[in-house]
Protein backbone atom coordinates (compact mmCIF):
# COMPACT_ATOMS: atom_id res chain seq x y z
CA MET A 1 115.04 118.30 122.02
CA ARG A 2 113.09 120.41 119.29
CA ILE A 3 114.29 120.49 115.75
CA LYS A 4 113.01 123.04 113.19
CA CYS A 5 111.94 121.80 109.65
CA ARG A 6 110.00 122.61 106.73
CA SER A 7 106.17 122.00 106.92
CA ILE A 8 104.80 119.99 104.01
CA SER A 9 101.56 118.47 105.26
CA ARG A 10 99.73 120.17 108.41
CA GLY A 11 98.78 118.39 111.43
CA VAL A 12 100.36 117.12 114.83
CA ALA A 13 101.08 113.60 115.60
CA GLU A 14 103.35 111.50 117.93
CA GLY A 15 104.49 107.98 117.73
CA GLU A 16 107.44 105.51 117.72
CA ALA A 17 110.14 106.31 115.12
CA ILE A 18 110.88 103.78 112.56
CA LEU A 19 113.86 104.80 110.23
CA THR A 20 115.13 103.49 106.77
CA HIS A 21 117.71 104.73 104.39
CA ASP A 22 116.00 103.28 101.50
CA ALA A 23 113.54 105.34 99.57
CA ILE A 24 109.94 104.15 99.62
CA SER A 25 107.46 103.46 96.70
CA PHE A 26 103.90 103.19 98.52
CA LEU A 27 102.91 101.30 95.38
CA GLY A 28 104.64 97.95 95.57
CA ASN A 29 106.61 98.53 98.77
CA VAL A 30 103.79 98.66 101.35
CA ASP A 31 100.65 96.52 101.56
CA PRO A 32 97.73 99.09 101.96
CA GLN A 33 95.61 96.28 103.79
CA THR A 34 98.11 95.69 106.54
CA GLY A 35 100.77 98.66 106.50
CA ILE A 36 103.57 96.07 106.29
CA VAL A 37 106.54 96.65 103.95
CA VAL A 38 106.55 93.95 101.57
CA GLU A 39 109.50 94.53 99.31
CA PRO A 40 112.07 91.79 100.09
CA GLN A 41 114.99 94.08 99.34
CA HIS A 42 113.84 97.15 101.36
CA GLU A 43 115.50 97.76 104.84
CA LEU A 44 111.96 97.54 106.53
CA TYR A 45 110.86 94.33 104.92
CA GLY A 46 108.29 92.66 107.24
CA LYS A 47 107.78 95.56 109.34
CA CYS A 48 104.74 97.40 110.02
CA ILE A 49 104.32 101.32 109.80
CA LYS A 50 100.91 101.48 111.39
CA ASP A 51 100.99 104.42 113.94
CA LYS A 52 104.70 104.82 113.62
CA VAL A 53 106.61 108.09 112.67
CA LEU A 54 108.18 106.88 109.25
CA VAL A 55 111.65 108.42 108.72
CA PHE A 56 112.75 107.78 105.05
CA PRO A 57 115.01 110.01 102.62
CA HIS A 58 112.18 110.46 100.00
CA GLY A 59 109.55 108.58 98.04
CA LYS A 60 110.03 106.91 94.70
CA GLY A 61 107.93 105.30 92.06
CA SER A 62 104.56 105.88 90.44
CA THR A 63 101.99 108.86 91.39
CA VAL A 64 99.49 106.09 92.46
CA GLY A 65 101.78 105.92 95.66
CA SER A 66 99.82 109.05 96.66
CA TYR A 67 96.74 107.13 96.60
CA VAL A 68 98.36 104.23 98.45
CA LEU A 69 98.90 106.39 101.27
CA TYR A 70 95.21 107.47 101.30
CA GLN A 71 94.30 103.65 101.20
CA LEU A 72 96.51 103.07 104.24
CA ILE A 73 94.58 105.82 106.16
CA LYS A 74 91.29 104.53 105.10
CA ASN A 75 92.35 101.03 106.30
CA GLY A 76 93.61 102.35 109.42
CA VAL A 77 97.26 101.23 108.86
CA ALA A 78 98.98 104.46 107.87
CA PRO A 79 101.93 106.01 109.75
CA ALA A 80 101.00 108.61 112.32
CA ALA A 81 103.40 111.09 110.67
CA MET A 82 106.48 111.09 108.27
CA ILE A 83 109.87 112.79 108.12
CA ASN A 84 111.74 112.88 104.85
CA VAL A 85 115.24 114.21 104.31
CA GLU A 86 113.76 115.90 101.09
CA SER A 87 110.01 115.30 100.17
CA GLU A 88 108.91 114.90 96.55
CA PRO A 89 105.64 115.41 95.12
CA ILE A 90 104.23 111.72 95.34
CA VAL A 91 104.66 111.60 99.13
CA ALA A 92 103.80 115.20 99.57
CA VAL A 93 100.45 114.92 97.80
CA GLY A 94 99.74 111.54 99.35
CA ALA A 95 100.29 113.08 103.02
CA ILE A 96 98.19 116.00 102.10
CA ILE A 97 95.07 114.22 100.78
CA SER A 98 95.61 111.76 103.59
CA GLY A 99 95.90 114.26 106.50
CA ILE A 100 99.16 112.89 107.58
CA PRO A 101 101.71 115.41 109.13
CA LEU A 102 104.88 115.46 107.00
CA VAL A 103 107.75 117.46 107.50
CA ASP A 104 111.22 117.51 105.73
CA LYS A 105 114.58 119.72 105.45
CA MET A 106 115.32 119.42 109.21
CA GLU A 107 117.91 121.43 110.60
CA SER A 108 120.02 118.42 111.30
CA ASP A 109 120.17 115.03 109.39
CA PRO A 110 117.27 112.99 111.10
CA PHE A 111 119.44 109.96 110.72
CA ASP A 112 121.96 111.61 113.09
CA ILE A 113 119.53 112.57 115.57
CA LEU A 114 116.75 109.89 115.57
CA LYS A 115 116.87 105.97 116.06
CA ASP A 116 114.40 103.32 115.90
CA GLY A 117 111.98 103.33 119.01
CA ASP A 118 112.40 107.06 119.98
CA ARG A 119 109.28 108.58 120.85
CA VAL A 120 108.78 111.59 118.37
CA MET A 121 106.29 114.36 117.83
CA VAL A 122 105.85 115.91 114.44
CA ASP A 123 104.40 119.17 114.02
CA GLY A 124 103.61 119.70 110.50
CA THR A 125 101.68 122.85 111.03
CA GLU A 126 104.51 124.78 113.06
CA GLY A 127 107.44 123.05 111.41
CA PHE A 128 109.22 121.36 113.97
CA VAL A 129 110.01 117.68 115.30
CA GLU A 130 110.61 116.93 119.00
CA ILE A 131 112.01 113.93 120.81
CA THR A 132 109.53 113.51 123.66
CA ASP A 133 111.41 110.90 125.69
């Protein structure tokens, strides 16, 4: 199944989907050394985002979050790709400077189509998401 969406950060990546209805502040919610969500109140608390297709509504918090995404890449613990309901500048800039494919505004709500563990390919260059299993 192929779903059209808006391209934010170019590139193509595939991985296992991990979903959260909670917004993410990469500064404070995610440990840049391990890729583990460390905010106790977050839906993904204790889970690792490394090599996952991270699906979340949008980012929040400090602009430093863009650089935390870059740290995640440098430390080898970044998500393979990201899908937002609607991206905002912090996540968009972080994805672009880090080379992480990012899309948003899918034709259908990603929370209605995707579930944890689905194998998903994100094409941030052409602007589509494909469920591959």
